N, C-alpha and C. Protein backbone atom coordinates (compact mmCIF):
# COMPACT_ATOMS: atom_id res chain seq x y z
N MET A 1 94.99 -25.84 -171.97
CA MET A 1 94.64 -24.73 -171.37
C MET A 1 96.28 -23.84 -172.17
N LEU A 2 97.16 -24.25 -171.68
CA LEU A 2 98.66 -23.98 -172.15
C LEU A 2 98.68 -23.77 -173.67
N LEU A 3 98.07 -24.69 -174.36
CA LEU A 3 97.91 -24.70 -175.89
C LEU A 3 97.42 -23.50 -176.56
N ARG A 4 96.19 -23.28 -175.76
CA ARG A 4 95.32 -22.30 -176.07
C ARG A 4 95.83 -20.93 -175.90
N LEU A 5 96.41 -20.67 -174.74
CA LEU A 5 97.23 -19.35 -174.07
C LEU A 5 98.43 -19.15 -175.22
N VAL A 6 99.21 -20.31 -175.55
CA VAL A 6 100.27 -20.18 -176.39
C VAL A 6 99.80 -19.54 -177.85
N THR A 7 99.07 -20.06 -178.13
CA THR A 7 98.64 -20.19 -179.58
C THR A 7 98.06 -18.61 -179.93
N GLY A 8 97.38 -18.12 -178.64
CA GLY A 8 96.63 -16.88 -178.62
C GLY A 8 97.84 -15.67 -178.86
N ALA A 9 98.79 -15.76 -177.98
CA ALA A 9 99.94 -14.98 -177.93
C ALA A 9 100.78 -14.79 -179.04
N LEU A 10 100.82 -16.05 -179.90
CA LEU A 10 101.56 -16.35 -181.20
C LEU A 10 101.00 -15.41 -181.95
N ALA A 11 99.67 -15.76 -182.22
CA ALA A 11 98.65 -15.09 -183.22
C ALA A 11 98.99 -13.46 -183.05
N GLY A 12 98.70 -13.03 -182.08
CA GLY A 12 98.62 -11.82 -181.60
C GLY A 12 100.23 -10.97 -182.24
N ALA A 13 101.38 -11.63 -181.91
CA ALA A 13 102.57 -11.13 -181.90
C ALA A 13 102.61 -11.38 -183.36
N LEU A 14 102.32 -12.14 -184.00
CA LEU A 14 102.62 -11.98 -185.70
C LEU A 14 101.81 -10.57 -186.09
N ILE A 15 100.71 -10.71 -185.85
CA ILE A 15 100.07 -9.22 -186.17
C ILE A 15 100.43 -8.01 -185.70
N GLY A 16 100.97 -8.18 -184.42
CA GLY A 16 101.67 -6.85 -183.84
C GLY A 16 102.92 -6.46 -184.40
N TYR A 17 103.55 -7.74 -184.92
CA TYR A 17 105.19 -7.36 -185.61
C TYR A 17 104.82 -6.71 -186.95
N GLU A 18 103.84 -6.89 -187.60
CA GLU A 18 103.55 -6.30 -189.14
C GLU A 18 103.12 -4.58 -188.45
N ARG A 19 102.55 -4.47 -187.69
CA ARG A 19 102.31 -3.05 -186.95
C ARG A 19 103.46 -2.15 -186.66
N SER A 20 104.20 -3.13 -185.69
CA SER A 20 105.60 -2.55 -185.44
C SER A 20 106.53 -2.33 -186.56
N TYR A 21 106.35 -3.22 -187.23
CA TYR A 21 107.46 -2.97 -188.78
C TYR A 21 107.25 -1.48 -189.03
N HIS A 22 105.90 -1.14 -189.30
CA HIS A 22 105.59 -0.03 -189.87
C HIS A 22 105.48 1.19 -189.02
N GLY A 23 105.91 1.08 -187.65
CA GLY A 23 106.13 2.41 -186.79
C GLY A 23 104.81 2.50 -186.24
N ARG A 24 103.85 1.72 -185.99
CA ARG A 24 102.48 2.08 -185.32
C ARG A 24 102.57 2.09 -183.95
N PRO A 25 101.95 2.91 -182.97
CA PRO A 25 102.29 2.95 -181.80
C PRO A 25 101.53 1.95 -180.78
N ALA A 26 100.74 1.14 -181.37
CA ALA A 26 100.39 -0.02 -180.69
C ALA A 26 100.86 -1.52 -181.51
N GLY A 27 101.79 -2.30 -181.01
CA GLY A 27 102.53 -3.09 -181.93
C GLY A 27 102.58 -4.44 -181.62
N PHE A 28 103.80 -4.83 -181.39
CA PHE A 28 104.22 -6.29 -181.19
C PHE A 28 103.40 -6.53 -179.70
N ARG A 29 104.03 -6.04 -178.66
CA ARG A 29 103.68 -6.26 -177.33
C ARG A 29 102.03 -6.21 -176.79
N THR A 30 101.82 -5.15 -177.76
CA THR A 30 99.82 -4.56 -177.56
C THR A 30 99.14 -5.71 -178.00
N HIS A 31 99.40 -6.11 -179.47
CA HIS A 31 98.58 -7.24 -180.03
C HIS A 31 98.80 -8.63 -179.39
N ALA A 32 99.88 -8.69 -178.90
CA ALA A 32 100.24 -9.96 -178.28
C ALA A 32 99.38 -10.08 -176.92
N LEU A 33 99.33 -8.98 -176.12
CA LEU A 33 98.82 -9.01 -174.91
C LEU A 33 97.17 -8.88 -175.28
N VAL A 34 96.81 -8.29 -176.36
CA VAL A 34 95.21 -8.39 -176.63
C VAL A 34 95.12 -9.64 -177.01
N CYS A 35 95.54 -10.69 -177.43
CA CYS A 35 95.16 -11.55 -178.20
C CYS A 35 95.08 -12.74 -176.96
N THR A 36 96.15 -12.83 -176.29
CA THR A 36 96.38 -13.47 -174.86
C THR A 36 95.09 -13.21 -173.96
N ALA A 37 95.01 -12.13 -173.78
CA ALA A 37 94.04 -11.50 -172.72
C ALA A 37 92.71 -11.95 -172.94
N SER A 38 92.23 -12.30 -174.53
CA SER A 38 91.03 -12.40 -174.86
C SER A 38 90.91 -14.10 -174.75
N SER A 39 92.22 -14.75 -175.27
CA SER A 39 92.23 -16.21 -174.59
C SER A 39 91.95 -16.60 -173.59
N LEU A 40 92.50 -15.63 -172.51
CA LEU A 40 92.50 -16.10 -171.20
C LEU A 40 90.91 -16.02 -170.74
N LEU A 41 90.59 -14.95 -170.85
CA LEU A 41 89.02 -14.38 -170.90
C LEU A 41 88.13 -15.90 -170.83
N MET A 42 88.67 -16.12 -172.46
CA MET A 42 87.44 -17.04 -172.90
C MET A 42 87.52 -18.67 -172.16
N LEU A 43 88.84 -19.07 -171.70
CA LEU A 43 89.24 -19.93 -170.84
C LEU A 43 88.32 -20.04 -169.52
N VAL A 44 87.92 -18.83 -169.05
CA VAL A 44 87.08 -18.66 -167.91
C VAL A 44 86.04 -19.37 -168.12
N THR A 45 85.51 -18.97 -169.44
CA THR A 45 84.04 -19.34 -169.34
C THR A 45 83.67 -20.63 -170.05
N VAL A 46 84.87 -21.29 -171.04
CA VAL A 46 84.79 -22.52 -171.53
C VAL A 46 85.11 -23.50 -170.34
N TYR A 47 85.93 -23.31 -169.65
CA TYR A 47 86.22 -24.34 -168.43
C TYR A 47 85.55 -23.67 -167.08
N GLN A 48 84.19 -23.33 -167.19
CA GLN A 48 83.65 -22.74 -166.01
C GLN A 48 83.24 -24.04 -165.19
N ALA A 49 83.11 -25.13 -165.78
CA ALA A 49 82.69 -26.23 -164.62
C ALA A 49 83.81 -26.59 -163.64
N HIS A 50 85.30 -25.98 -164.24
CA HIS A 50 86.46 -26.46 -163.24
C HIS A 50 86.53 -25.43 -162.40
N TRP A 51 85.87 -24.46 -162.19
CA TRP A 51 85.76 -23.42 -160.93
C TRP A 51 84.82 -23.20 -160.30
N VAL A 52 83.75 -23.37 -160.86
CA VAL A 52 82.26 -23.22 -160.30
C VAL A 52 81.88 -24.69 -159.66
N HIS A 53 82.17 -24.77 -158.34
CA HIS A 53 81.59 -25.69 -157.58
C HIS A 53 80.48 -26.08 -157.45
N ALA A 54 79.78 -26.58 -158.57
CA ALA A 54 78.12 -27.09 -158.47
C ALA A 54 78.02 -28.14 -159.04
N THR A 55 76.72 -28.61 -159.06
CA THR A 55 76.24 -29.95 -159.81
C THR A 55 76.18 -29.18 -161.40
N ALA A 56 76.36 -30.42 -162.18
CA ALA A 56 76.54 -30.34 -163.72
C ALA A 56 75.15 -29.53 -163.97
N GLU A 57 74.34 -29.99 -163.62
CA GLU A 57 72.85 -29.45 -163.92
C GLU A 57 72.42 -28.06 -163.80
N SER A 58 73.13 -27.59 -162.54
CA SER A 58 72.90 -26.08 -162.27
C SER A 58 73.95 -25.22 -163.04
N ILE A 59 74.92 -25.65 -163.89
CA ILE A 59 75.81 -24.84 -164.42
C ILE A 59 75.47 -24.73 -165.93
N LYS A 60 75.19 -23.33 -166.19
CA LYS A 60 74.56 -23.03 -167.50
C LYS A 60 75.65 -21.95 -168.28
N LEU A 61 76.20 -23.12 -169.18
CA LEU A 61 77.16 -22.33 -170.00
C LEU A 61 76.94 -21.26 -171.09
N ASP A 62 77.39 -20.18 -170.99
CA ASP A 62 77.06 -19.04 -172.39
C ASP A 62 78.45 -18.45 -172.65
N PRO A 63 79.12 -18.83 -173.32
CA PRO A 63 80.54 -18.44 -173.58
C PRO A 63 80.21 -16.94 -174.39
N THR A 64 79.55 -17.00 -175.46
CA THR A 64 79.01 -16.05 -175.80
C THR A 64 78.75 -14.53 -175.31
N ARG A 65 78.71 -14.55 -174.10
CA ARG A 65 78.29 -13.58 -173.23
C ARG A 65 79.53 -12.95 -172.89
N MET A 66 80.61 -13.56 -172.62
CA MET A 66 81.81 -13.28 -172.47
C MET A 66 82.69 -12.74 -173.61
N ALA A 67 82.34 -13.44 -174.80
CA ALA A 67 82.84 -12.84 -176.19
C ALA A 67 82.35 -11.33 -176.40
N GLN A 68 81.11 -11.04 -176.02
CA GLN A 68 80.16 -9.81 -176.28
C GLN A 68 81.17 -8.82 -175.48
N GLY A 69 81.44 -9.33 -174.43
CA GLY A 69 82.03 -8.38 -173.42
C GLY A 69 83.27 -7.59 -174.03
N ILE A 70 83.91 -9.15 -174.10
CA ILE A 70 85.67 -8.64 -174.67
C ILE A 70 85.49 -7.69 -176.25
N MET A 71 84.41 -7.91 -177.01
CA MET A 71 84.57 -7.21 -178.37
C MET A 71 84.22 -5.62 -177.87
N THR A 72 83.27 -5.75 -176.40
CA THR A 72 83.10 -4.17 -176.19
C THR A 72 83.90 -3.68 -176.22
N GLY A 73 84.86 -4.40 -174.93
CA GLY A 73 85.50 -3.64 -174.14
C GLY A 73 86.51 -3.28 -174.76
N ILE A 74 87.11 -3.93 -175.96
CA ILE A 74 88.43 -3.50 -176.77
C ILE A 74 88.40 -2.35 -177.44
N GLY A 75 86.89 -2.03 -177.62
CA GLY A 75 86.85 -0.65 -178.40
C GLY A 75 87.29 0.48 -177.90
N PHE A 76 87.31 0.40 -176.37
CA PHE A 76 88.16 1.49 -175.71
C PHE A 76 89.78 1.60 -175.99
N LEU A 77 90.30 0.40 -176.00
CA LEU A 77 91.76 0.30 -176.65
C LEU A 77 92.18 0.86 -177.78
N GLY A 78 91.20 0.17 -178.85
CA GLY A 78 91.33 0.81 -180.13
C GLY A 78 91.36 2.49 -180.24
N ALA A 79 90.12 2.79 -179.42
CA ALA A 79 90.11 4.07 -179.67
C ALA A 79 91.11 5.16 -179.31
N GLY A 80 92.13 4.38 -178.11
CA GLY A 80 93.26 5.06 -177.96
C GLY A 80 94.37 5.27 -178.66
N VAL A 81 94.36 4.41 -179.87
CA VAL A 81 95.28 4.77 -180.85
C VAL A 81 94.99 5.61 -182.13
N ILE A 82 93.47 6.04 -182.14
CA ILE A 82 93.27 6.90 -183.26
C ILE A 82 93.51 8.12 -182.82
N MET A 83 94.55 8.56 -183.43
CA MET A 83 94.75 10.13 -183.48
C MET A 83 94.23 11.16 -184.59
N LYS A 84 94.14 12.40 -184.04
CA LYS A 84 93.80 13.49 -185.12
C LYS A 84 94.74 14.49 -184.91
N ASP A 85 95.44 14.53 -186.31
CA ASP A 85 96.77 15.16 -186.67
C ASP A 85 96.33 16.39 -187.82
N GLY A 86 95.83 17.35 -187.36
CA GLY A 86 95.20 18.60 -187.94
C GLY A 86 94.05 17.87 -188.35
N LEU A 87 93.60 18.17 -189.44
CA LEU A 87 92.49 17.71 -190.35
C LEU A 87 92.60 16.12 -190.57
N SER A 88 93.67 15.60 -190.42
CA SER A 88 93.81 14.15 -190.67
C SER A 88 93.70 13.32 -189.51
N VAL A 89 92.99 11.95 -190.05
CA VAL A 89 92.90 11.46 -188.69
C VAL A 89 93.69 9.95 -188.84
N ARG A 90 94.16 9.48 -188.00
CA ARG A 90 95.24 8.59 -188.33
C ARG A 90 95.13 7.29 -187.24
N GLY A 91 95.48 5.95 -187.27
CA GLY A 91 95.30 4.85 -186.60
C GLY A 91 93.87 4.11 -186.78
N LEU A 92 93.26 4.50 -187.41
CA LEU A 92 91.94 3.61 -187.85
C LEU A 92 92.18 2.25 -188.28
N THR A 93 93.40 2.01 -188.94
CA THR A 93 93.93 0.49 -189.41
C THR A 93 94.22 -0.14 -188.40
N THR A 94 95.13 0.46 -187.75
CA THR A 94 95.84 -0.40 -186.04
C THR A 94 94.54 -0.36 -184.97
N ALA A 95 93.57 0.33 -184.94
CA ALA A 95 92.28 0.06 -184.07
C ALA A 95 91.66 -0.76 -184.54
N ALA A 96 91.35 -1.05 -185.87
CA ALA A 96 90.72 -2.30 -186.66
C ALA A 96 91.53 -3.74 -186.27
N SER A 97 93.02 -3.59 -186.49
CA SER A 97 93.93 -4.91 -186.32
C SER A 97 93.75 -5.16 -184.75
N ILE A 98 93.58 -4.23 -183.66
CA ILE A 98 93.47 -4.70 -182.29
C ILE A 98 92.23 -5.28 -182.32
N TRP A 99 91.25 -4.72 -182.66
CA TRP A 99 89.55 -5.60 -182.65
C TRP A 99 89.93 -6.80 -183.19
N ILE A 100 90.41 -7.09 -184.29
CA ILE A 100 90.42 -8.57 -185.08
C ILE A 100 91.10 -9.26 -184.26
N THR A 101 92.16 -8.44 -183.39
CA THR A 101 93.16 -9.28 -182.64
C THR A 101 92.26 -10.20 -181.40
N ALA A 102 91.43 -9.32 -181.12
CA ALA A 102 90.75 -9.59 -179.96
C ALA A 102 90.01 -10.74 -180.25
N ALA A 103 89.22 -10.72 -181.76
CA ALA A 103 88.62 -11.56 -181.84
C ALA A 103 88.97 -13.08 -182.20
N ILE A 104 90.71 -13.30 -182.77
CA ILE A 104 91.16 -14.14 -182.80
C ILE A 104 91.91 -14.77 -181.58
N GLY A 105 91.69 -13.91 -180.32
CA GLY A 105 92.17 -14.54 -179.32
C GLY A 105 91.00 -15.29 -178.70
N ILE A 106 89.87 -14.99 -178.92
CA ILE A 106 88.62 -15.48 -178.54
C ILE A 106 88.63 -16.84 -179.01
N LEU A 107 89.20 -17.10 -180.55
CA LEU A 107 89.08 -18.54 -181.38
C LEU A 107 90.35 -19.22 -180.66
N ALA A 108 91.17 -18.57 -179.88
CA ALA A 108 92.19 -19.43 -179.29
C ALA A 108 91.60 -19.78 -177.92
N GLY A 109 90.96 -19.30 -177.24
CA GLY A 109 90.40 -19.35 -176.22
C GLY A 109 89.34 -20.54 -176.05
N ILE A 110 88.52 -20.76 -177.13
CA ILE A 110 87.91 -21.88 -177.14
C ILE A 110 88.31 -23.04 -178.06
N GLY A 111 89.46 -23.00 -178.40
CA GLY A 111 90.07 -24.03 -179.35
C GLY A 111 89.67 -24.16 -180.65
N PHE A 112 89.25 -23.21 -181.72
CA PHE A 112 89.13 -23.24 -182.66
C PHE A 112 90.01 -22.98 -183.50
N TYR A 113 91.05 -23.81 -183.74
CA TYR A 113 92.58 -23.82 -184.31
C TYR A 113 92.29 -23.28 -185.84
N PHE A 114 91.55 -24.16 -186.63
CA PHE A 114 91.65 -23.53 -187.87
C PHE A 114 91.03 -22.65 -188.36
N PRO A 115 89.69 -21.99 -187.75
CA PRO A 115 89.71 -20.57 -188.40
C PRO A 115 90.80 -19.40 -187.77
N LEU A 116 91.09 -19.73 -186.70
CA LEU A 116 92.23 -19.07 -185.86
C LEU A 116 93.40 -18.54 -186.88
N ILE A 117 93.98 -20.14 -187.48
CA ILE A 117 95.14 -20.03 -188.33
C ILE A 117 94.71 -18.93 -189.79
N VAL A 118 93.27 -19.37 -190.33
CA VAL A 118 93.12 -18.58 -191.20
C VAL A 118 93.03 -17.27 -191.37
N SER A 119 92.15 -16.88 -189.91
CA SER A 119 92.16 -15.32 -189.75
C SER A 119 93.32 -14.68 -189.69
N VAL A 120 94.56 -15.31 -188.82
CA VAL A 120 95.65 -14.85 -188.76
C VAL A 120 96.23 -14.49 -190.08
N LEU A 121 96.45 -15.61 -191.06
CA LEU A 121 96.88 -15.11 -192.36
C LEU A 121 96.01 -14.29 -193.39
N LEU A 122 95.00 -14.51 -193.21
CA LEU A 122 93.98 -13.37 -193.85
C LEU A 122 94.42 -11.84 -193.08
N THR A 123 94.16 -11.41 -191.79
CA THR A 123 94.66 -10.26 -191.10
C THR A 123 96.17 -10.13 -191.69
N ILE A 124 97.14 -10.56 -191.39
CA ILE A 124 98.69 -10.24 -192.27
C ILE A 124 98.43 -9.76 -193.44
N GLY A 125 97.84 -10.56 -194.36
CA GLY A 125 97.95 -10.83 -195.68
C GLY A 125 96.96 -9.07 -196.13
N MET A 126 95.97 -8.93 -195.32
CA MET A 126 95.28 -7.41 -195.44
C MET A 126 96.37 -6.45 -195.02
N LEU A 127 97.19 -6.45 -194.25
CA LEU A 127 97.56 -5.30 -193.49
C LEU A 127 98.92 -5.16 -194.46
N SER A 128 99.68 -6.23 -195.09
CA SER A 128 100.66 -5.90 -195.51
C SER A 128 100.57 -6.05 -197.21
N MET A 129 99.66 -7.20 -197.75
CA MET A 129 99.23 -6.94 -198.98
C MET A 129 98.76 -6.15 -199.64
N LEU A 130 97.52 -5.69 -199.07
CA LEU A 130 96.47 -4.53 -199.35
C LEU A 130 97.37 -3.37 -199.45
N ARG A 131 98.37 -3.25 -198.40
CA ARG A 131 99.09 -1.83 -198.65
C ARG A 131 99.74 -1.69 -199.94
N TRP A 132 100.66 -2.94 -200.26
CA TRP A 132 101.11 -2.85 -201.75
C TRP A 132 100.17 -2.72 -203.07
N ILE A 133 99.00 -3.30 -202.78
CA ILE A 133 97.84 -3.01 -203.76
C ILE A 133 97.51 -1.64 -203.80
N GLU A 134 97.21 -0.88 -202.58
CA GLU A 134 96.49 0.05 -202.51
C GLU A 134 97.78 1.24 -203.17
N THR A 135 98.91 1.21 -202.81
CA THR A 135 99.99 2.00 -203.15
C THR A 135 99.88 2.22 -204.60
N ARG A 136 99.50 1.10 -205.36
CA ARG A 136 99.43 0.65 -206.85
C ARG A 136 98.12 1.15 -207.52
N MET A 137 97.11 1.15 -206.87
CA MET A 137 95.76 1.22 -207.32
C MET A 137 95.82 2.84 -207.98
N PRO A 138 94.91 2.70 -209.18
CA PRO A 138 94.64 4.29 -209.52
C PRO A 138 93.58 5.10 -208.97
N THR A 139 94.00 5.42 -207.52
CA THR A 139 92.89 6.27 -206.88
C THR A 139 93.51 7.43 -206.57
N ARG A 140 92.55 8.32 -206.12
CA ARG A 140 92.75 9.67 -205.69
C ARG A 140 93.44 9.82 -204.39
N ALA A 141 94.41 10.68 -204.14
CA ALA A 141 95.22 10.94 -203.11
C ALA A 141 94.70 12.35 -202.65
N TYR A 142 94.56 12.77 -201.27
CA TYR A 142 94.30 14.04 -200.90
C TYR A 142 95.20 14.68 -199.93
N TYR A 143 95.17 15.68 -200.07
CA TYR A 143 96.42 16.45 -199.15
C TYR A 143 95.63 17.56 -198.56
N HIS A 144 96.01 18.00 -197.24
CA HIS A 144 95.66 19.19 -196.56
C HIS A 144 96.89 20.29 -196.71
N PHE A 145 96.87 21.25 -197.30
CA PHE A 145 97.76 21.89 -198.00
C PHE A 145 97.74 23.20 -197.36
N GLU A 146 98.65 23.80 -196.55
CA GLU A 146 99.03 25.17 -195.84
C GLU A 146 100.03 26.07 -196.17
N VAL A 147 100.23 27.29 -196.82
CA VAL A 147 101.45 27.95 -197.23
C VAL A 147 101.12 29.26 -196.54
N HIS A 148 102.51 29.80 -196.52
CA HIS A 148 102.30 31.11 -195.49
C HIS A 148 103.50 32.05 -196.45
N PHE A 149 102.78 33.01 -196.84
CA PHE A 149 103.54 34.40 -197.69
C PHE A 149 103.94 35.60 -196.85
N THR A 150 104.91 36.19 -197.09
CA THR A 150 104.99 37.70 -196.45
C THR A 150 103.92 38.57 -197.25
N ARG A 151 103.11 39.31 -196.61
CA ARG A 151 102.09 40.32 -197.02
C ARG A 151 102.63 41.02 -198.50
N ALA A 152 104.02 41.73 -198.50
CA ALA A 152 104.43 41.99 -199.48
C ALA A 152 104.70 41.12 -200.84
N SER A 153 104.16 39.79 -200.62
CA SER A 153 104.89 38.96 -201.77
C SER A 153 104.13 39.17 -202.86
N ASP A 154 104.61 39.05 -204.08
CA ASP A 154 103.82 39.22 -205.02
C ASP A 154 103.09 37.61 -205.92
N MET A 155 103.12 36.85 -204.63
CA MET A 155 102.35 35.65 -205.10
C MET A 155 100.73 35.89 -205.02
N THR A 156 100.11 36.27 -205.88
CA THR A 156 98.89 36.30 -205.74
C THR A 156 97.91 35.04 -205.71
N GLU A 157 96.62 35.27 -205.04
CA GLU A 157 95.82 33.86 -205.58
C GLU A 157 95.85 33.48 -206.40
N THR A 158 95.39 34.04 -207.57
CA THR A 158 95.59 33.41 -209.27
C THR A 158 97.11 32.81 -209.42
N ALA A 159 97.96 33.29 -209.02
CA ALA A 159 99.34 32.69 -209.42
C ALA A 159 99.56 31.70 -208.69
N LEU A 160 98.96 31.36 -207.18
CA LEU A 160 98.89 30.22 -206.60
C LEU A 160 98.09 28.94 -206.94
N ARG A 161 97.23 29.47 -207.54
CA ARG A 161 96.44 28.13 -208.09
C ARG A 161 96.87 27.90 -209.42
N THR A 162 97.31 28.76 -209.87
CA THR A 162 98.04 28.21 -211.22
C THR A 162 99.39 27.52 -211.04
N LEU A 163 100.15 27.66 -210.12
CA LEU A 163 101.42 27.01 -210.05
C LEU A 163 100.75 25.41 -209.28
N ILE A 164 99.87 25.31 -208.34
CA ILE A 164 99.25 24.34 -207.69
C ILE A 164 98.68 23.33 -208.87
N GLU A 165 97.76 23.79 -209.73
CA GLU A 165 97.30 22.93 -210.43
C GLU A 165 98.20 22.47 -211.68
N SER A 166 99.56 23.39 -211.74
CA SER A 166 100.46 22.89 -212.86
C SER A 166 101.06 21.57 -212.47
N TYR A 167 100.84 21.09 -211.37
CA TYR A 167 101.17 19.73 -210.58
C TYR A 167 100.29 18.86 -210.47
N ARG A 168 99.29 19.17 -211.33
CA ARG A 168 98.09 18.19 -211.53
C ARG A 168 97.29 17.80 -210.14
N PHE A 169 97.12 18.95 -209.62
CA PHE A 169 96.31 18.78 -207.96
C PHE A 169 94.86 19.67 -208.79
N THR A 170 94.17 19.25 -208.11
CA THR A 170 92.53 20.11 -207.95
C THR A 170 92.23 20.44 -206.65
N ILE A 171 91.74 21.86 -206.40
CA ILE A 171 92.04 22.57 -205.25
C ILE A 171 90.50 22.72 -204.77
N ALA A 172 90.18 22.45 -203.53
CA ALA A 172 89.04 22.74 -202.85
C ALA A 172 88.98 23.47 -201.39
N ASN A 173 87.95 24.22 -201.05
CA ASN A 173 88.16 24.66 -199.62
C ASN A 173 89.14 25.91 -199.48
N PHE A 174 89.55 26.60 -200.58
CA PHE A 174 90.51 27.57 -200.43
C PHE A 174 90.04 28.61 -199.24
N SER A 175 90.85 28.77 -198.43
CA SER A 175 90.54 29.88 -197.26
C SER A 175 92.02 30.82 -197.19
N TYR A 176 91.66 32.11 -196.61
CA TYR A 176 92.23 33.02 -196.44
C TYR A 176 92.62 33.40 -194.88
N HIS A 177 93.74 34.01 -194.56
CA HIS A 177 93.97 34.30 -193.17
C HIS A 177 95.07 35.30 -193.19
N LEU A 178 95.01 36.46 -192.56
CA LEU A 178 95.99 37.31 -192.27
C LEU A 178 96.35 37.64 -191.03
N ASP A 179 97.39 37.25 -190.58
CA ASP A 179 97.98 37.29 -189.06
C ASP A 179 97.43 38.54 -188.15
N ALA A 180 97.49 38.68 -187.07
CA ALA A 180 96.97 39.83 -186.07
C ALA A 180 98.21 40.89 -186.39
N GLU A 181 99.09 40.75 -186.89
CA GLU A 181 99.89 42.05 -186.93
C GLU A 181 100.05 42.48 -188.39
N GLY A 182 99.33 41.44 -189.41
CA GLY A 182 99.18 41.97 -190.56
C GLY A 182 100.29 41.74 -191.60
N ARG A 183 101.14 40.62 -191.30
CA ARG A 183 102.65 40.70 -192.20
C ARG A 183 102.47 39.39 -192.72
N ILE A 184 101.87 38.41 -192.48
CA ILE A 184 102.00 36.91 -192.89
C ILE A 184 100.42 36.55 -193.71
N ARG A 185 100.54 36.49 -194.63
CA ARG A 185 99.36 35.79 -195.42
C ARG A 185 99.26 34.17 -195.48
N ARG A 186 98.12 33.79 -195.07
CA ARG A 186 97.99 32.34 -194.85
C ARG A 186 96.62 31.74 -195.70
N HIS A 187 97.07 30.86 -196.55
CA HIS A 187 96.24 30.04 -197.31
C HIS A 187 96.23 28.64 -197.14
N SER A 188 95.07 27.92 -197.03
CA SER A 188 94.57 26.67 -196.62
C SER A 188 93.84 25.98 -197.82
N MET A 189 94.05 24.84 -198.09
CA MET A 189 93.03 24.00 -198.93
C MET A 189 93.51 22.81 -198.85
N VAL A 190 92.45 21.90 -199.57
CA VAL A 190 92.34 20.26 -199.75
C VAL A 190 92.70 20.30 -201.08
N LEU A 191 94.10 19.55 -201.43
CA LEU A 191 94.41 19.13 -202.79
C LEU A 191 93.93 17.89 -202.69
N ARG A 192 93.82 17.76 -204.52
CA ARG A 192 93.21 16.05 -204.79
C ARG A 192 94.26 15.74 -206.18
N THR A 193 94.76 14.74 -206.28
CA THR A 193 95.48 13.99 -207.62
C THR A 193 95.07 12.59 -207.55
N THR A 194 95.91 12.36 -208.83
CA THR A 194 95.75 10.93 -209.18
C THR A 194 97.21 10.45 -208.98
N ASP A 195 97.84 11.25 -209.16
CA ASP A 195 99.63 11.30 -209.13
C ASP A 195 100.14 11.53 -207.68
N ARG A 196 100.59 10.69 -206.79
CA ARG A 196 100.88 10.70 -205.71
C ARG A 196 102.57 11.39 -205.72
N SER A 197 103.17 11.46 -206.66
CA SER A 197 104.55 12.02 -206.83
C SER A 197 104.34 13.66 -207.04
N SER A 198 103.20 14.01 -207.10
CA SER A 198 102.92 15.45 -207.30
C SER A 198 103.19 16.19 -206.09
N ALA A 199 102.69 15.67 -204.83
CA ALA A 199 103.13 16.12 -203.52
C ALA A 199 104.58 16.69 -203.60
N SER A 200 105.50 15.72 -203.58
CA SER A 200 107.00 15.82 -203.67
C SER A 200 107.49 16.78 -205.02
N GLN A 201 106.98 16.92 -205.73
CA GLN A 201 107.63 17.89 -206.78
C GLN A 201 106.96 19.54 -206.47
N LEU A 202 105.65 19.20 -205.89
CA LEU A 202 104.80 20.79 -205.57
C LEU A 202 106.20 21.09 -203.94
N SER A 203 106.55 20.18 -203.27
CA SER A 203 107.48 20.44 -201.95
C SER A 203 108.72 21.42 -202.62
N GLU A 204 109.23 20.54 -203.68
CA GLU A 204 110.61 20.86 -203.90
C GLU A 204 110.41 22.34 -204.53
N LYS A 205 109.41 22.64 -205.34
CA LYS A 205 108.83 23.83 -206.11
C LYS A 205 108.92 25.07 -205.18
N LEU A 206 108.00 24.65 -204.17
CA LEU A 206 107.83 25.41 -202.99
C LEU A 206 109.00 25.87 -202.16
N GLN A 207 110.13 25.04 -201.80
CA GLN A 207 111.26 25.38 -201.39
C GLN A 207 112.04 26.09 -202.10
N ALA A 208 112.21 26.29 -203.23
CA ALA A 208 112.80 26.86 -204.31
C ALA A 208 112.11 28.28 -204.70
N THR A 209 111.41 28.47 -203.69
CA THR A 209 110.30 30.13 -204.12
C THR A 209 110.97 30.91 -202.62
N GLU A 210 111.44 31.93 -203.34
CA GLU A 210 111.82 32.73 -201.97
C GLU A 210 110.50 33.43 -201.33
N SER A 211 109.49 33.71 -201.93
CA SER A 211 108.30 34.31 -201.37
C SER A 211 107.46 33.31 -200.27
N VAL A 212 107.82 31.87 -200.22
CA VAL A 212 107.16 31.37 -199.60
C VAL A 212 107.84 31.08 -198.19
N HIS A 213 107.14 31.74 -197.13
CA HIS A 213 107.71 31.87 -195.98
C HIS A 213 107.64 30.53 -194.96
N GLU A 214 106.76 29.79 -195.26
CA GLU A 214 106.53 28.38 -194.79
C GLU A 214 105.16 27.65 -195.42
N PHE A 215 105.23 26.28 -195.31
CA PHE A 215 104.28 25.64 -195.89
C PHE A 215 104.07 24.03 -195.40
N ARG A 216 103.48 23.54 -195.40
CA ARG A 216 102.83 22.13 -195.15
C ARG A 216 101.88 21.13 -195.88
N ILE A 217 102.23 20.05 -196.15
CA ILE A 217 101.46 19.24 -197.10
C ILE A 217 101.29 17.71 -196.49
N ALA A 218 100.22 17.62 -195.81
CA ALA A 218 99.59 16.58 -195.18
C ALA A 218 98.94 15.81 -195.96
N PRO A 219 99.22 14.29 -195.89
CA PRO A 219 98.38 13.28 -196.57
C PRO A 219 97.07 13.24 -195.63
N THR A 220 96.26 12.79 -196.28
CA THR A 220 94.88 12.48 -195.28
C THR A 220 94.62 11.14 -194.89
N GLY A 221 95.73 10.27 -195.35
CA GLY A 221 95.14 8.72 -195.43
C GLY A 221 96.00 8.32 -193.90
N ASP A 222 95.77 7.12 -193.50
CA ASP A 222 95.77 6.50 -192.26
C ASP A 222 97.44 6.12 -192.42
């Protein structure tokens, strides 16, 4: 029992460290606790004969029922780390890591050490190595872009579109807004590009533009 609990705690801590290293809210301690708790609950089922005082014939073991309950309940904890930031949704990867950590804890609880070790290595590899691969893949990056101008600014919609497209962006969902006092023009849109450096270049240009009152460029990824 001690070996299984310690193994579960170490497995969860390894995965949680990767999350903490990247500044995620559910990190080292959260993953270690989730994995240990899953292991502990599975011990209750696996060693049922040790605490249920009945004859061997009357004891009906069904460890899968406990596993199903764990995986269902852990969804509430995973939902707690999913946050909506404007139009972006963050925390999905951390929620998925919590879910798989619970599954790894179940493996520790029933003593399946070989698949446990393999799953820990795969999980850490997916969280770290796939991040490195993802940043180098020729994929499209999406950004939510909002910019504010004074009403008297000479920055027209045509000029704004030309400026944005000159930094290799394509524009979708262009919107218009004038504040209650009629002094600030606000435009929001979704930008798409295959060059991730375009966002920083556009940001530098907007900072140097006097007619820009305020702007925000937010990536849509996790």
